[in-house]
Amino acid sequence: MIDLNDLRVFEKVAATSSFSVAGRTLGLPKSTVSRNIARLEQVLGVRLFQRTTRAVILTAAGEALQARCIELMSRVDETIAYVESLAGEPRGLLRISAGIGFGINVLSRHLPEFLARFPNIDVSLDLTSRDLDLIADRVDVAIRMGPLPDSALVSTRLGSVPRCLAASPDYLHRRGTPLTPADLAGHECVEMPRGDGRTRTWHFQRGDERATVDVRNRVSVNDALTIHQLVRNGAGMGVLSTYLCLDDFAQGHLVRLLADWAIAPVEVNLLFPSKRELSAAVRAFVNFMREVTVPNGHWQSGLPEVD
């Protein structure tokens, strides 16, 4: 019979390609890790690793086991957490993934209250600009901005972030101030890169009028906070989250452009893997985020309409 502890050790060795690193991560001596792997190989009747003096390499059987082990161990952890949550107050480790900007500007404001309300929940917060595999990376709930790709994930809408076009006074002094969307042609822009290498397109609407502009990315960067700072410091113009710009507009560090043209907000969604029982900790976090997400408040705040 396979020992789940052996599978957990195998998963860590496979992920780190090292018996020593896996042992340190799990708090086990290297000799214990070796015994776990040897026992698992004996039960399965196959070699899982090719060992050399420099590396630990998965065999074909090891690769097949790793591909299935990730989801298996994730389901084991979730099942244990769910059963434990039935005993009463939400508890356990809650793994959250979010974008860097949302983590710094939103979650850092609200997580202290969440932790105070649920003293038996610990939080592991992974802030990244890339989309993680929720199952492979053991993420309980992810916060994602923008369109969601088709997937097996379950999502629930949290809110939306208003956006506006802005540039620094220094940039506008050098390059001139656009008065219509057509004037944006040839301007230097700071934007997110596209995965297919094509240029970004900005969409504007004013009443029944619509305008589309293919922008020239002078700088491409995959982090919204860095885009904000680059635009603020004169690298070009950019479409920014409005709540990040309120103080800059008031203090004259940024100038709002084409204020009579609207830019679609960015949708914010909570995601979690499907076909799984949500633990009490996940349900508590989802309900808490819905509670503290106030329409027109903080990150959902916009700017006054222009007459």
Protein backbone atom coordinates (compact mmCIF):
# COMPACT_ATOMS: atom_id res chain seq x y z
CA MET A 1 0.00 0.00 0.00
CA ILE A 2 1.29 3.44 -0.96
CA ASP A 3 2.06 5.84 1.90
CA LEU A 4 0.76 9.35 1.22
CA ASN A 5 3.82 10.75 2.97
CA ASP A 6 5.98 9.00 0.37
CA LEU A 7 3.96 10.68 -2.39
CA ARG A 8 4.36 14.06 -0.71
CA VAL A 9 8.13 13.56 -0.52
CA PHE A 10 8.22 12.37 -4.14
CA GLU A 11 6.33 15.47 -5.27
CA LYS A 12 8.82 17.77 -3.57
CA VAL A 13 11.87 15.92 -4.95
CA ALA A 14 10.35 16.02 -8.43
CA ALA A 15 9.67 19.76 -8.13
CA THR A 16 13.16 20.64 -6.82
CA SER A 17 15.23 17.95 -8.61
CA SER A 18 17.11 17.51 -5.36
CA PHE A 19 16.86 15.18 -2.37
CA SER A 20 18.65 17.72 -0.18
CA VAL A 21 16.46 20.70 -1.14
CA ALA A 22 13.32 18.61 -0.76
CA GLY A 23 14.47 17.53 2.68
CA ARG A 24 15.13 21.09 3.81
CA THR A 25 11.76 22.23 2.50
CA LEU A 26 9.94 19.41 4.28
CA GLY A 27 12.09 19.56 7.41
CA LEU A 28 13.41 16.02 6.88
CA PRO A 29 16.95 14.61 6.78
CA LYS A 30 18.20 13.65 3.32
CA SER A 31 18.42 10.02 4.48
CA THR A 32 14.70 10.00 5.31
CA VAL A 33 13.87 11.46 1.90
CA SER A 34 15.92 8.70 0.26
CA ARG A 35 14.08 6.03 2.26
CA ASN A 36 10.70 7.49 1.30
CA ILE A 37 11.59 7.41 -2.38
CA ALA A 38 13.11 3.93 -2.19
CA ARG A 39 9.97 2.61 -0.47
CA LEU A 40 7.71 4.20 -3.08
CA GLU A 41 9.78 2.75 -5.92
CA GLN A 42 9.63 -0.69 -4.31
CA VAL A 43 5.83 -0.57 -3.93
CA LEU A 44 5.35 0.62 -7.53
CA GLY A 45 8.03 -1.66 -8.98
CA VAL A 46 9.60 1.10 -11.11
CA ARG A 47 12.46 3.58 -10.91
CA LEU A 48 11.18 7.12 -10.48
CA PHE A 49 14.49 8.98 -10.66
CA GLN A 50 17.83 8.67 -12.41
CA ARG A 51 20.43 9.75 -9.88
CA THR A 52 23.79 11.23 -10.87
CA THR A 53 26.42 13.06 -8.87
CA ARG A 54 25.04 16.36 -10.16
CA ALA A 55 21.33 15.92 -10.72
CA VAL A 56 18.19 13.99 -9.95
CA ILE A 57 16.21 13.40 -13.16
CA LEU A 58 12.71 11.98 -13.47
CA THR A 59 12.30 8.78 -15.44
CA ALA A 60 9.34 8.34 -17.79
CA ALA A 61 7.50 6.61 -14.94
CA GLY A 62 8.44 9.45 -12.60
CA GLU A 63 7.10 12.05 -15.04
CA ALA A 64 3.82 10.15 -15.33
CA LEU A 65 3.49 9.96 -11.55
CA GLN A 66 4.35 13.64 -11.09
CA ALA A 67 1.68 14.71 -13.59
CA ARG A 68 -0.97 12.90 -11.55
CA CYS A 69 0.51 13.45 -8.12
CA ILE A 70 0.12 17.24 -8.19
CA GLU A 71 -3.66 17.13 -8.48
CA LEU A 72 -3.93 14.11 -6.18
CA MET A 73 -2.05 15.75 -3.30
CA SER A 74 -3.92 19.00 -3.86
CA ARG A 75 -7.22 17.15 -3.49
CA VAL A 76 -5.97 15.38 -0.36
CA ASP A 77 -5.01 18.70 1.25
CA GLU A 78 -8.31 20.27 0.27
CA THR A 79 -10.32 17.34 1.55
CA ILE A 80 -8.56 17.45 4.91
CA ALA A 81 -9.05 21.22 5.15
CA TYR A 82 -12.71 20.89 4.23
CA VAL A 83 -13.41 18.12 6.75
CA GLU A 84 -11.57 20.05 9.47
CA SER A 85 -13.62 23.15 8.64
CA LEU A 86 -16.83 21.25 9.38
CA ALA A 87 -15.81 21.13 13.02
CA GLY A 88 -16.54 24.83 13.46
CA GLU A 89 -14.65 28.07 12.91
CA PRO A 90 -12.71 28.46 9.61
CA ARG A 91 -9.08 27.48 10.05
CA GLY A 92 -5.98 26.39 8.21
CA LEU A 93 -3.69 27.82 5.53
CA LEU A 94 -5.36 29.90 2.81
CA ARG A 95 -3.30 30.26 -0.38
CA ILE A 96 -4.18 33.41 -2.32
CA SER A 97 -2.77 34.55 -5.67
CA ALA A 98 -3.18 38.12 -6.94
CA GLY A 99 -1.54 40.71 -9.15
CA ILE A 100 1.19 42.83 -7.60
CA GLY A 101 -0.76 46.08 -7.77
CA PHE A 102 -3.96 44.62 -6.34
CA GLY A 103 -1.99 42.97 -3.56
CA ILE A 104 -0.16 46.15 -2.57
CA ASN A 105 -3.04 48.59 -2.92
CA VAL A 106 -6.08 46.51 -2.00
CA LEU A 107 -5.28 43.30 -0.15
CA SER A 108 -2.76 45.00 2.13
CA ARG A 109 -5.59 47.29 3.29
CA HIS A 110 -8.11 44.54 3.97
CA LEU A 111 -6.16 41.43 5.01
CA PRO A 112 -5.40 42.72 8.54
CA GLU A 113 -9.14 42.96 9.22
CA PHE A 114 -9.70 39.51 7.71
CA LEU A 115 -6.97 38.00 9.91
CA ALA A 116 -8.39 39.68 13.00
CA ARG A 117 -11.85 38.35 12.22
CA PHE A 118 -10.59 34.80 11.56
CA PRO A 119 -7.69 34.19 13.99
CA ASN A 120 -7.34 30.52 13.01
CA ILE A 121 -6.69 31.22 9.32
CA ASP A 122 -3.13 31.76 8.09
CA VAL A 123 -2.57 33.34 4.67
CA SER A 124 0.06 32.61 2.03
CA LEU A 125 -0.12 35.49 -0.47
CA ASP A 126 1.59 35.04 -3.85
CA LEU A 127 1.80 38.30 -5.81
CA THR A 128 2.75 37.80 -9.43
CA SER A 129 2.17 39.25 -12.88
CA ARG A 130 1.77 35.80 -14.43
CA ASP A 131 -1.23 33.54 -14.24
CA LEU A 132 -0.58 30.53 -12.03
CA ASP A 133 -1.98 27.04 -12.51
CA LEU A 134 -4.32 26.96 -9.53
CA ILE A 135 -4.17 23.17 -9.18
CA ALA A 136 -0.45 22.66 -9.84
CA ASP A 137 0.54 25.64 -7.67
CA ARG A 138 -1.87 24.73 -4.85
CA VAL A 139 -3.78 28.03 -5.02
CA ASP A 140 -7.07 28.13 -3.11
CA VAL A 141 -8.37 31.37 -4.58
CA ALA A 142 -6.97 33.75 -7.18
CA ILE A 143 -7.85 37.35 -7.93
CA ARG A 144 -7.60 38.09 -11.64
CA MET A 145 -8.12 41.30 -13.61
CA GLY A 146 -9.33 41.49 -17.18
CA PRO A 147 -10.96 38.96 -19.51
CA LEU A 148 -10.90 35.38 -18.29
CA PRO A 149 -9.73 32.63 -20.65
CA ASP A 150 -11.96 29.64 -21.12
CA SER A 151 -10.99 27.11 -18.48
CA ALA A 152 -12.29 24.66 -15.93
CA LEU A 153 -12.10 27.33 -13.24
CA VAL A 154 -15.08 28.71 -11.36
CA SER A 155 -15.25 32.50 -11.16
CA THR A 156 -17.31 35.08 -9.34
CA ARG A 157 -17.24 38.79 -10.13
CA LEU A 158 -15.85 41.04 -7.42
CA GLY A 159 -16.02 44.45 -9.10
CA SER A 160 -14.37 46.60 -11.74
CA VAL A 161 -11.54 49.13 -11.88
CA PRO A 162 -12.27 52.41 -13.75
CA ARG A 163 -9.48 53.58 -16.05
CA CYS A 164 -8.39 56.80 -17.69
CA LEU A 165 -5.75 58.06 -20.12
CA ALA A 166 -3.00 60.15 -18.52
CA ALA A 167 0.46 61.61 -19.05
CA SER A 168 2.88 63.78 -17.11
CA PRO A 169 3.11 67.56 -17.70
CA ASP A 170 6.73 67.07 -18.81
CA TYR A 171 5.78 64.58 -21.50
CA LEU A 172 2.96 66.78 -22.77
CA HIS A 173 5.31 69.78 -22.89
CA ARG A 174 7.67 67.77 -25.10
CA ARG A 175 5.15 65.99 -27.31
CA GLY A 176 1.97 68.06 -27.20
CA THR A 177 -1.47 67.35 -25.76
CA PRO A 178 -3.83 65.13 -27.79
CA LEU A 179 -7.35 66.50 -28.11
CA THR A 180 -8.97 63.58 -29.96
CA PRO A 181 -8.27 59.83 -30.12
CA ALA A 182 -6.88 60.34 -33.63
CA ASP A 183 -4.21 62.64 -32.14
CA LEU A 184 -2.74 59.66 -30.26
CA ALA A 185 -1.10 58.35 -33.44
CA GLY A 186 2.64 58.66 -33.11
CA HIS A 187 2.62 59.31 -29.38
CA GLU A 188 4.84 57.24 -27.10
CA CYS A 189 2.88 54.86 -24.91
CA VAL A 190 3.56 52.64 -21.92
CA GLU A 191 1.51 49.44 -21.99
CA MET A 192 1.27 45.79 -21.11
CA PRO A 193 2.91 43.48 -23.67
CA ARG A 194 0.72 41.19 -25.73
CA GLY A 195 1.53 37.51 -25.76
CA ASP A 196 1.33 37.37 -29.56
CA GLY A 197 3.73 40.27 -30.05
CA ARG A 198 1.13 42.52 -31.74
CA THR A 199 0.54 46.14 -30.76
CA ARG A 200 -2.08 47.06 -28.17
CA THR A 201 -5.35 48.66 -29.17
CA TRP A 202 -7.09 51.31 -27.07
CA HIS A 203 -10.87 51.66 -27.30
CA PHE A 204 -12.70 54.90 -26.51
CA GLN A 205 -16.39 55.75 -26.37
CA ARG A 206 -18.25 59.07 -26.21
CA GLY A 207 -21.99 58.64 -26.31
CA ASP A 208 -22.67 56.68 -29.50
CA GLU A 209 -19.22 57.46 -30.91
CA ARG A 210 -16.48 54.84 -30.77
CA ALA A 211 -12.81 55.19 -31.60
CA THR A 212 -10.05 52.59 -31.83
CA VAL A 213 -6.36 53.44 -31.75
CA ASP A 214 -3.41 51.11 -32.34
CA VAL A 215 -0.77 52.41 -29.97
CA ARG A 216 2.99 52.44 -30.23
CA ASN A 217 4.53 50.84 -27.15
CA ARG A 218 7.66 52.82 -26.37
CA VAL A 219 7.86 50.76 -23.16
CA SER A 220 6.22 47.38 -22.54
CA VAL A 221 6.01 46.17 -18.95
CA ASN A 222 3.87 43.48 -17.32
CA ASP A 223 3.06 45.31 -14.09
CA ALA A 224 0.40 48.01 -13.68
CA LEU A 225 2.18 49.78 -10.79
CA THR A 226 5.34 50.15 -12.87
CA ILE A 227 3.31 51.49 -15.79
CA HIS A 228 1.83 54.10 -13.46
CA GLN A 229 5.26 55.21 -12.25
CA LEU A 230 6.74 55.29 -15.77
CA VAL A 231 3.88 57.46 -17.02
CA ARG A 232 4.14 59.70 -13.95
CA ASN A 233 7.85 60.17 -14.62
CA GLY A 234 7.41 61.12 -18.28
CA ALA A 235 8.15 57.92 -20.22
CA GLY A 236 4.95 58.26 -22.23
CA MET A 237 1.19 58.26 -21.91
CA GLY A 238 -0.77 55.32 -20.56
CA VAL A 239 -4.16 53.94 -19.61
CA LEU A 240 -4.09 53.78 -15.81
CA SER A 241 -6.33 52.60 -13.00
CA THR A 242 -8.13 55.76 -11.91
CA TYR A 243 -7.75 55.18 -8.17
CA LEU A 244 -3.96 55.18 -8.57
CA CYS A 245 -4.06 58.63 -10.16
CA LEU A 246 -6.36 60.65 -7.90
CA ASP A 247 -3.56 62.19 -5.81
CA ASP A 248 -1.37 62.70 -8.88
CA PHE A 249 -4.13 64.66 -10.63
CA ALA A 250 -4.70 66.77 -7.53
CA GLN A 251 -0.99 67.50 -7.10
CA GLY A 252 -0.28 68.13 -10.78
CA HIS A 253 1.98 65.12 -11.31
CA LEU A 254 -0.36 63.71 -13.97
CA VAL A 255 -2.79 65.23 -16.46
CA ARG A 256 -5.98 63.44 -17.45
CA LEU A 257 -6.35 63.23 -21.24
CA LEU A 258 -9.45 62.94 -23.46
CA ALA A 259 -11.61 63.29 -20.38
CA ASP A 260 -14.80 63.33 -22.46
CA TRP A 261 -13.99 59.89 -23.88
CA ALA A 262 -14.67 56.80 -21.72
CA ILE A 263 -12.42 53.76 -21.46
CA ALA A 264 -13.95 50.44 -20.42
CA PRO A 265 -13.14 49.41 -16.83
CA VAL A 266 -11.23 46.23 -16.01
CA GLU A 267 -13.27 43.44 -14.47
CA VAL A 268 -11.96 41.86 -11.25
CA ASN A 269 -12.89 38.25 -10.54
CA LEU A 270 -12.28 35.68 -7.83
CA LEU A 271 -11.29 32.28 -9.23
CA PHE A 272 -11.04 28.84 -7.69
CA PRO A 273 -10.72 25.34 -9.16
CA SER A 274 -13.96 23.65 -10.07
CA LYS A 275 -15.35 20.31 -8.91
CA ARG A 276 -14.03 20.86 -5.41
CA GLU A 277 -15.64 21.45 -2.07
CA LEU A 278 -14.68 24.94 -1.00
CA SER A 279 -13.20 24.97 2.48
CA ALA A 280 -14.65 27.22 5.15
CA ALA A 281 -11.52 29.39 4.89
CA VAL A 282 -12.09 29.99 1.17
CA ARG A 283 -15.77 30.73 1.69
CA ALA A 284 -14.88 33.13 4.51
CA PHE A 285 -12.42 35.01 2.31
CA VAL A 286 -14.81 35.23 -0.65
CA ASN A 287 -17.62 36.54 1.54
CA PHE A 288 -15.26 38.98 3.26
CA MET A 289 -14.00 40.42 -0.05
CA ARG A 290 -17.57 40.88 -1.25
CA GLU A 291 -18.37 42.67 2.00
CA VAL A 292 -15.46 45.14 1.84
CA THR A 293 -15.80 45.80 -1.89
CA VAL A 294 -17.88 48.97 -1.85
CA PRO A 295 -19.29 50.35 -5.14
CA ASN A 296 -17.47 53.60 -6.06
CA GLY A 297 -15.16 53.09 -3.07
CA HIS A 298 -11.36 52.97 -3.11
CA TRP A 299 -10.20 50.85 -6.08
CA GLN A 300 -13.61 51.14 -7.79
CA SER A 301 -13.63 54.92 -7.53
CA GLY A 302 -13.79 56.94 -10.72
CA LEU A 303 -13.45 60.57 -11.77
CA PRO A 304 -16.30 63.06 -12.27
CA GLU A 305 -17.97 62.96 -15.65
CA VAL A 306 -17.10 65.79 -18.03
CA ASP A 307 -20.08 67.83 -19.27
